[in-house]
Amino acid sequence: MKKIVPHIILIPLLLSIPIVSSPDFDGTLSVFRVSPFQREFTRFVLVIIFFYLNLNLFSF
């Protein structure tokens, strides 16, 4: 359980990076309506999923 807690904290922090650094961010969640942001955010989520899949598959 101790090993999963940092990851539970890290994933939202990593997902907040593209939100906060977006030029369309105005303090609300309206940034999710912008098509280029949706595309980049999806890519970011896929990279995190790929990272965690590799971490779990190759961490023998």
Protein backbone atom coordinates (compact mmCIF):
# COMPACT_ATOMS: atom_id res chain seq x y z
CA MET A 1 0.00 0.00 0.00
CA LYS A 2 2.88 2.36 0.72
CA LYS A 3 4.13 2.07 -2.85
CA ILE A 4 0.81 3.04 -4.43
CA VAL A 5 0.17 6.23 -2.42
CA PRO A 6 2.87 8.31 -4.16
CA HIS A 7 1.49 7.25 -7.52
CA ILE A 8 -2.05 8.22 -6.55
CA ILE A 9 -0.70 11.67 -5.69
CA LEU A 10 1.63 11.89 -8.69
CA ILE A 11 -0.93 11.12 -11.43
CA PRO A 12 -3.19 14.13 -10.72
CA LEU A 13 -0.14 16.34 -10.35
CA LEU A 14 1.15 15.21 -13.73
CA LEU A 15 -2.26 15.70 -15.31
CA SER A 16 -2.48 19.22 -13.91
CA ILE A 17 0.66 20.33 -15.79
CA PRO A 18 -0.96 20.67 -19.23
CA ILE A 19 -4.03 22.32 -17.68
CA VAL A 20 -2.12 24.99 -15.80
CA SER A 21 0.40 25.61 -18.58
CA SER A 22 -2.26 25.96 -21.28
CA PRO A 23 -2.54 29.46 -22.78
CA ASP A 24 -6.34 29.02 -22.73
CA PHE A 25 -6.46 28.36 -18.97
CA ASP A 26 -8.47 31.04 -17.19
CA GLY A 27 -9.00 29.39 -13.82
CA THR A 28 -12.02 27.38 -14.88
CA LEU A 29 -12.44 24.06 -16.61
CA SER A 30 -13.54 25.71 -19.85
CA VAL A 31 -10.13 24.82 -21.24
CA PHE A 32 -11.49 21.31 -21.89
CA ARG A 33 -13.74 22.74 -24.60
CA VAL A 34 -10.74 23.83 -26.71
CA SER A 35 -10.05 21.25 -29.40
CA PRO A 36 -6.22 21.58 -29.52
CA PHE A 37 -6.08 21.28 -25.75
CA GLN A 38 -8.23 18.14 -25.82
CA ARG A 39 -5.84 16.58 -28.32
CA GLU A 40 -2.74 17.44 -26.28
CA PHE A 41 -4.35 16.38 -23.01
CA THR A 42 -5.31 13.03 -24.54
CA ARG A 43 -1.72 12.55 -25.65
CA PHE A 44 -0.51 13.38 -22.15
CA VAL A 45 -2.90 10.83 -20.60
CA LEU A 46 -1.74 8.19 -23.08
CA VAL A 47 1.91 8.85 -22.17
CA ILE A 48 1.12 8.40 -18.48
CA ILE A 49 -0.79 5.18 -19.20
CA PHE A 50 2.11 3.92 -21.31
CA PHE A 51 4.57 4.79 -18.54
CA TYR A 52 2.61 2.95 -15.87
CA LEU A 53 2.02 -0.07 -18.07
CA ASN A 54 5.75 -0.29 -18.71
CA LEU A 55 6.51 0.28 -15.05
CA ASN A 56 4.26 -2.58 -14.03
CA LEU A 57 5.23 -4.94 -16.83
CA PHE A 58 9.00 -4.54 -16.51
CA SER A 59 9.39 -4.11 -12.76
CA PHE A 60 10.16 -7.73 -11.97
